[in-house]
């Protein structure tokens, strides 16, 4: 503080001497220009440096307080900026949660809308475990016998047919999807009405066979027939993506892409209905031998 006071005193002395010098110069020239009436102009010219010197003295006298106020303002601005960033982050998290809830609500509504065409009450379940061993694509859901889920119950989603229940525990069940090689489903071609049996081929693929002269085109929609199994008629199964001639040249092999996105499926609906095959003990024996 003592050093700052000394420096301020020096500046004051310098400014005083400057002012004295300017006044003496003004008086010297004032005598010469008195006769011509230029003294008011000279005084006006000398007034500017005097005002600047006065302002400088005021700034020097209040420099410590001025810097303190400046730093206080900067600290307040930084803290308010941090608070705003935190609020923006919280709002972004809330927005993501709201969007996630909206997607889940939309899926639930779509599943509920399936009860009308199926004409059965659905048991909604979440997929929580998938077993992908080579081509075998079985997965687990979080509903079991405790929720009245039984072997043979069909499994569907808003996109179409998923598969069927092949084993049921107390709190979980195993679902055999369409893409598993052990899956079989009676289908029809929407455009021609011809029937076939769809077989799973793993990794989101299915196929069926027809005679070489059969009318099948890429893009044809495949639906459930509703004749030999538990699924109601005309549920979406998939689309034809390729039609190839077999090696024996008397058959066509038709590749079908399922309507259900199996790699990303999360929620399914289990229909409380058994197939004709389950009533004969076919699926139960097959699933026990497979598992």
Protein backbone atom coordinates (compact mmCIF):
# COMPACT_ATOMS: atom_id res chain seq x y z
CA UNK A 1 0.00 0.00 0.00
CA UNK A 2 2.90 2.41 0.81
CA UNK A 3 4.48 1.83 -2.64
CA UNK A 4 1.15 2.48 -4.39
CA UNK A 5 0.71 5.75 -2.41
CA UNK A 6 4.23 6.93 -3.37
CA UNK A 7 3.64 6.19 -7.07
CA UNK A 8 0.31 8.04 -6.98
CA UNK A 9 2.02 11.07 -5.34
CA UNK A 10 4.69 11.15 -8.07
CA UNK A 11 2.06 11.18 -10.79
CA UNK A 12 0.23 14.01 -9.05
CA UNK A 13 3.42 16.07 -8.89
CA UNK A 14 4.15 15.45 -12.57
CA UNK A 15 0.64 16.52 -13.56
CA UNK A 16 0.89 19.66 -11.40
CA UNK A 17 4.19 20.65 -13.04
CA UNK A 18 2.72 20.02 -16.46
CA UNK A 19 -0.24 22.25 -15.63
CA UNK A 20 2.06 25.00 -14.33
CA UNK A 21 4.18 24.78 -17.45
CA UNK A 22 1.14 25.03 -19.68
CA UNK A 23 -0.17 28.05 -17.73
CA UNK A 24 3.15 29.82 -17.96
CA UNK A 25 3.33 29.15 -21.69
CA UNK A 26 -0.21 30.42 -22.02
CA UNK A 27 0.60 33.65 -20.15
CA UNK A 28 3.71 34.18 -22.26
CA UNK A 29 1.89 33.85 -25.50
CA UNK A 30 -1.16 35.61 -24.09
CA UNK A 31 0.71 38.86 -23.82
CA UNK A 32 1.70 38.66 -27.47
CA UNK A 33 -1.79 37.76 -28.72
CA UNK A 34 -3.64 40.11 -26.36
CA UNK A 35 -3.75 42.83 -28.94
CA UNK A 36 -5.26 40.54 -31.55
CA UNK A 37 -7.96 39.13 -29.19
CA UNK A 38 -6.80 35.48 -29.38
CA UNK A 39 -6.68 34.88 -25.61
CA UNK A 40 -10.13 33.10 -25.44
CA UNK A 41 -8.98 30.66 -28.11
CA UNK A 42 -5.77 29.92 -26.26
CA UNK A 43 -7.63 29.34 -22.96
CA UNK A 44 -9.99 26.98 -24.73
CA UNK A 45 -7.01 25.14 -26.20
CA UNK A 46 -5.42 24.81 -22.72
CA UNK A 47 -8.67 23.55 -21.18
CA UNK A 48 -8.48 20.12 -22.88
CA UNK A 49 -5.23 18.86 -21.24
CA UNK A 50 -6.44 20.17 -17.88
CA UNK A 51 -9.64 18.07 -18.16
CA UNK A 52 -7.61 15.00 -19.17
CA UNK A 53 -5.31 15.50 -16.21
CA UNK A 54 -8.25 15.80 -13.84
CA UNK A 55 -9.81 12.55 -15.14
CA UNK A 56 -6.46 10.75 -14.80
CA UNK A 57 -6.18 11.88 -11.18
CA UNK A 58 -9.65 10.51 -10.43
CA UNK A 59 -8.85 7.13 -12.02
CA UNK A 60 -5.56 6.86 -10.14
CA UNK A 61 -7.23 7.64 -6.83
CA UNK A 62 -9.88 4.91 -7.26
CA UNK A 63 -7.83 2.20 -9.08
CA UNK A 64 -7.91 -0.49 -6.28
CA UNK A 65 -11.70 -0.28 -5.84
CA UNK A 66 -12.27 -0.25 -9.60
CA UNK A 67 -10.28 -3.46 -10.10
CA UNK A 68 -12.14 -5.13 -7.24
CA UNK A 69 -15.50 -4.33 -8.81
CA UNK A 70 -14.27 -5.59 -12.20
CA UNK A 71 -13.13 -8.94 -10.79
CA UNK A 72 -16.40 -9.32 -8.87
CA UNK A 73 -18.37 -8.83 -12.08
CA UNK A 74 -16.22 -11.36 -13.95
CA UNK A 75 -16.60 -13.93 -11.14
CA UNK A 76 -20.37 -13.46 -11.15
CA UNK A 77 -20.54 -13.90 -14.94
CA UNK A 78 -18.46 -17.11 -14.80
CA UNK A 79 -20.59 -18.61 -12.01
CA UNK A 80 -23.82 -17.71 -13.81
CA UNK A 81 -22.45 -19.30 -17.00
CA UNK A 82 -21.69 -22.55 -15.12
CA UNK A 83 -25.21 -22.57 -13.65
CA UNK A 84 -26.74 -22.09 -17.11
CA UNK A 85 -24.62 -24.96 -18.52
CA UNK A 86 -25.79 -27.24 -15.70
CA UNK A 87 -29.42 -26.32 -16.38
CA UNK A 88 -28.96 -26.99 -20.12
CA UNK A 89 -27.43 -30.42 -19.34
CA UNK A 90 -30.34 -31.32 -17.04
CA UNK A 91 -32.87 -30.21 -19.68
CA UNK A 92 -31.12 -32.31 -22.35
CA UNK A 93 -31.26 -35.38 -20.07
CA UNK A 94 -34.96 -34.77 -19.39
CA UNK A 95 -35.58 -34.38 -23.13
CA UNK A 96 -33.87 -37.72 -23.87
CA UNK A 97 -35.90 -39.44 -21.15
CA UNK A 98 -39.10 -37.90 -22.52
CA UNK A 99 -38.30 -39.12 -26.04
CA UNK A 100 -37.51 -42.60 -24.72
CA UNK A 101 -40.82 -42.66 -22.83
CA UNK A 102 -42.61 -41.51 -25.98
CA UNK A 103 -41.09 -44.37 -28.01
CA UNK A 104 -42.02 -46.91 -25.33
CA UNK A 105 -45.57 -45.54 -25.16
CA UNK A 106 -45.87 -45.76 -28.94
CA UNK A 107 -44.72 -49.40 -28.89
CA UNK A 108 -47.18 -50.21 -26.11
CA UNK A 109 -50.03 -48.65 -28.09
CA UNK A 110 -49.03 -50.64 -31.16
CA UNK A 111 -48.98 -53.85 -29.13
CA UNK A 112 -52.38 -53.06 -27.62
CA UNK A 113 -53.75 -52.49 -31.12
CA UNK A 114 -52.83 -56.11 -31.96
CA UNK A 115 -55.47 -57.49 -29.60
CA UNK A 116 -58.26 -56.58 -32.03
CA UNK A 117 -57.09 -58.64 -35.07
CA UNK A 118 -55.80 -61.49 -32.90
CA UNK A 119 -59.02 -61.50 -30.83
CA UNK A 120 -57.06 -62.67 -27.79
CA UNK A 121 -55.62 -60.97 -24.75
CA UNK A 122 -51.88 -60.46 -24.98
CA UNK A 123 -49.18 -60.92 -22.36
CA UNK A 124 -46.59 -58.18 -22.90
CA UNK A 125 -42.99 -59.22 -22.28
CA UNK A 126 -39.50 -57.74 -22.56
CA UNK A 127 -36.65 -59.51 -24.34
CA UNK A 128 -33.68 -59.70 -21.95
CA UNK A 129 -31.44 -62.51 -23.25
CA UNK A 130 -30.52 -63.79 -26.71
CA UNK A 131 -28.74 -67.03 -27.54
CA UNK A 132 -27.12 -66.88 -30.99
CA UNK A 133 -25.12 -70.07 -31.55
CA UNK A 134 -24.28 -70.36 -35.25
CA UNK A 135 -27.69 -70.24 -36.90
CA UNK A 136 -29.76 -70.92 -33.78
CA UNK A 137 -31.47 -67.71 -32.64
CA UNK A 138 -33.53 -68.51 -29.50
CA UNK A 139 -34.15 -65.74 -26.95
CA UNK A 140 -35.69 -65.28 -23.49
CA UNK A 141 -38.51 -63.05 -22.27
CA UNK A 142 -39.34 -61.92 -18.73
CA UNK A 143 -42.71 -63.71 -18.43
CA UNK A 144 -43.32 -67.35 -17.47
CA UNK A 145 -45.85 -69.75 -15.93
CA UNK A 146 -46.37 -67.24 -13.13
CA UNK A 147 -47.95 -65.00 -15.81
CA UNK A 148 -49.80 -67.99 -17.39
CA UNK A 149 -47.37 -68.36 -20.30
CA UNK A 150 -47.41 -71.91 -21.68
CA UNK A 151 -45.47 -73.87 -24.28
CA UNK A 152 -46.84 -73.32 -27.77
CA UNK A 153 -48.16 -69.80 -27.24
CA UNK A 154 -47.57 -67.60 -30.31
CA UNK A 155 -45.39 -64.52 -30.04
CA UNK A 156 -46.03 -61.42 -32.16
CA UNK A 157 -45.00 -57.77 -32.42
CA UNK A 158 -46.43 -54.68 -34.13
CA UNK A 159 -44.29 -55.54 -37.19
CA UNK A 160 -45.59 -59.10 -37.53
CA UNK A 161 -44.95 -62.70 -36.47
CA UNK A 162 -42.03 -63.31 -34.08
CA UNK A 163 -42.24 -67.02 -33.21
CA UNK A 164 -43.59 -69.31 -30.50
CA UNK A 165 -42.88 -70.30 -26.89
CA UNK A 166 -40.97 -73.61 -26.66
CA UNK A 167 -40.12 -73.64 -22.94
CA UNK A 168 -41.67 -71.85 -19.98
CA UNK A 169 -40.22 -71.40 -16.50
CA UNK A 170 -41.70 -69.70 -13.48
CA UNK A 171 -40.49 -66.19 -14.33
CA UNK A 172 -39.20 -66.51 -17.89
CA UNK A 173 -39.84 -68.28 -21.18
CA UNK A 174 -37.83 -69.29 -24.25
CA UNK A 175 -39.06 -68.13 -27.66
CA UNK A 176 -38.22 -69.90 -30.91
CA UNK A 177 -38.18 -67.15 -33.60
CA UNK A 178 -38.97 -67.55 -37.29
CA UNK A 179 -35.32 -67.28 -38.26
CA UNK A 180 -34.27 -70.34 -36.23
CA UNK A 181 -33.67 -73.47 -38.38
CA UNK A 182 -36.10 -75.44 -36.17
CA UNK A 183 -38.97 -73.04 -36.96
CA UNK A 184 -41.78 -73.93 -39.39
CA UNK A 185 -44.70 -71.69 -40.37
CA UNK A 186 -47.57 -72.15 -42.83
CA UNK A 187 -47.70 -69.09 -45.11
CA UNK A 188 -49.37 -67.70 -48.23
CA UNK A 189 -48.24 -65.33 -50.94
CA UNK A 190 -50.41 -62.21 -50.72
CA UNK A 191 -50.35 -61.61 -54.49
CA UNK A 192 -51.03 -65.16 -55.73
CA UNK A 193 -52.57 -66.84 -52.65
CA UNK A 194 -50.30 -69.90 -52.99
CA UNK A 195 -49.41 -71.73 -49.75
CA UNK A 196 -45.98 -72.85 -48.56
CA UNK A 197 -44.04 -73.75 -45.42
CA UNK A 198 -41.51 -71.15 -44.28
CA UNK A 199 -38.26 -72.43 -42.74
CA UNK A 200 -35.79 -70.39 -40.70
CA UNK A 201 -32.21 -70.05 -41.92
CA UNK A 202 -30.66 -67.96 -39.12
CA UNK A 203 -29.19 -64.44 -39.11
CA UNK A 204 -32.46 -62.69 -40.01
CA UNK A 205 -33.27 -65.00 -42.96
CA UNK A 206 -36.04 -67.42 -43.91
CA UNK A 207 -36.84 -69.35 -47.07
CA UNK A 208 -39.31 -71.69 -48.71
CA UNK A 209 -39.40 -73.79 -51.86
CA UNK A 210 -41.74 -73.87 -54.85
CA UNK A 211 -41.90 -75.62 -58.20
CA UNK A 212 -39.82 -74.19 -60.99
CA UNK A 213 -42.89 -72.83 -62.79
CA UNK A 214 -44.38 -71.18 -59.67
CA UNK A 215 -45.37 -67.52 -59.90
CA UNK A 216 -43.11 -65.77 -57.34
CA UNK A 217 -41.57 -62.32 -57.69
CA UNK A 218 -39.16 -60.24 -55.66
CA UNK A 219 -41.15 -57.87 -53.44
CA UNK A 220 -44.11 -60.24 -52.87
CA UNK A 221 -45.47 -60.04 -49.34
CA UNK A 222 -45.71 -63.23 -47.28
CA UNK A 223 -48.51 -63.60 -44.71
CA UNK A 224 -49.73 -66.23 -42.26
CA UNK A 225 -52.30 -68.62 -43.72
CA UNK A 226 -54.17 -69.21 -40.45
CA UNK A 227 -54.91 -72.82 -41.47
CA UNK A 228 -52.50 -75.23 -39.79
CA UNK A 229 -51.23 -73.34 -36.76
CA UNK A 230 -52.23 -70.89 -34.06
CA UNK A 231 -51.55 -67.61 -35.88
CA UNK A 232 -54.58 -65.72 -37.22
CA UNK A 233 -54.66 -65.35 -40.99
CA UNK A 234 -52.95 -62.47 -42.83
CA UNK A 235 -50.44 -61.40 -40.19
CA UNK A 236 -47.26 -59.96 -41.79
CA UNK A 237 -44.37 -62.41 -42.03
CA UNK A 238 -41.93 -60.83 -44.50
CA UNK A 239 -41.04 -59.95 -48.08
CA UNK A 240 -39.45 -61.95 -50.89
CA UNK A 241 -35.92 -60.64 -51.52
CA UNK A 242 -34.60 -63.22 -53.99
CA UNK A 243 -35.81 -66.08 -56.18
CA UNK A 244 -33.10 -68.59 -57.17
CA UNK A 245 -33.13 -71.83 -59.11
CA UNK A 246 -32.05 -74.89 -57.10
CA UNK A 247 -29.17 -77.11 -58.22
CA UNK A 248 -31.58 -79.81 -59.42
CA UNK A 249 -33.27 -77.17 -61.63
CA UNK A 250 -36.76 -78.38 -60.74
CA UNK A 251 -37.30 -76.18 -57.71
CA UNK A 252 -37.12 -72.50 -56.78
CA UNK A 253 -35.60 -71.38 -53.50
CA UNK A 254 -37.27 -68.18 -52.30
CA UNK A 255 -35.45 -66.06 -49.73
CA UNK A 256 -37.68 -64.05 -47.37
CA UNK A 257 -36.64 -61.14 -45.18
CA UNK A 258 -38.76 -61.16 -41.98
CA UNK A 259 -40.95 -58.15 -41.25
CA UNK A 260 -39.77 -58.18 -37.62
CA UNK A 261 -36.30 -56.63 -37.00
CA UNK A 262 -34.99 -59.46 -34.81
CA UNK A 263 -31.57 -57.87 -33.96
CA UNK A 264 -33.31 -54.87 -32.33
CA UNK A 265 -36.52 -56.41 -30.98
CA UNK A 266 -37.19 -55.44 -27.35
CA UNK A 267 -40.90 -55.88 -26.62
CA UNK A 268 -43.23 -58.68 -27.75
CA UNK A 269 -46.82 -59.80 -27.20
CA UNK A 270 -47.58 -63.41 -26.23
CA UNK A 271 -51.00 -64.63 -27.42
CA UNK A 272 -52.94 -66.87 -25.03
CA UNK A 273 -53.61 -69.58 -27.59
CA UNK A 274 -52.03 -72.95 -28.44
CA UNK A 275 -51.37 -74.48 -31.83
CA UNK A 276 -52.88 -77.66 -33.24
CA UNK A 277 -49.40 -79.19 -33.11
CA UNK A 278 -49.09 -78.54 -29.37
CA UNK A 279 -52.38 -80.30 -28.71
CA UNK A 280 -50.89 -83.35 -30.46
CA UNK A 281 -47.69 -83.08 -28.43
CA UNK A 282 -45.52 -82.36 -31.47
CA UNK A 283 -43.93 -79.06 -30.49
CA UNK A 284 -43.49 -80.09 -26.88
CA UNK A 285 -41.55 -83.20 -27.85
CA UNK A 286 -39.55 -81.30 -30.43
CA UNK A 287 -38.57 -78.55 -27.97
CA UNK A 288 -37.61 -81.05 -25.27
CA UNK A 289 -35.38 -82.92 -27.71
CA UNK A 290 -33.80 -79.69 -28.93
CA UNK A 291 -33.16 -78.17 -25.50
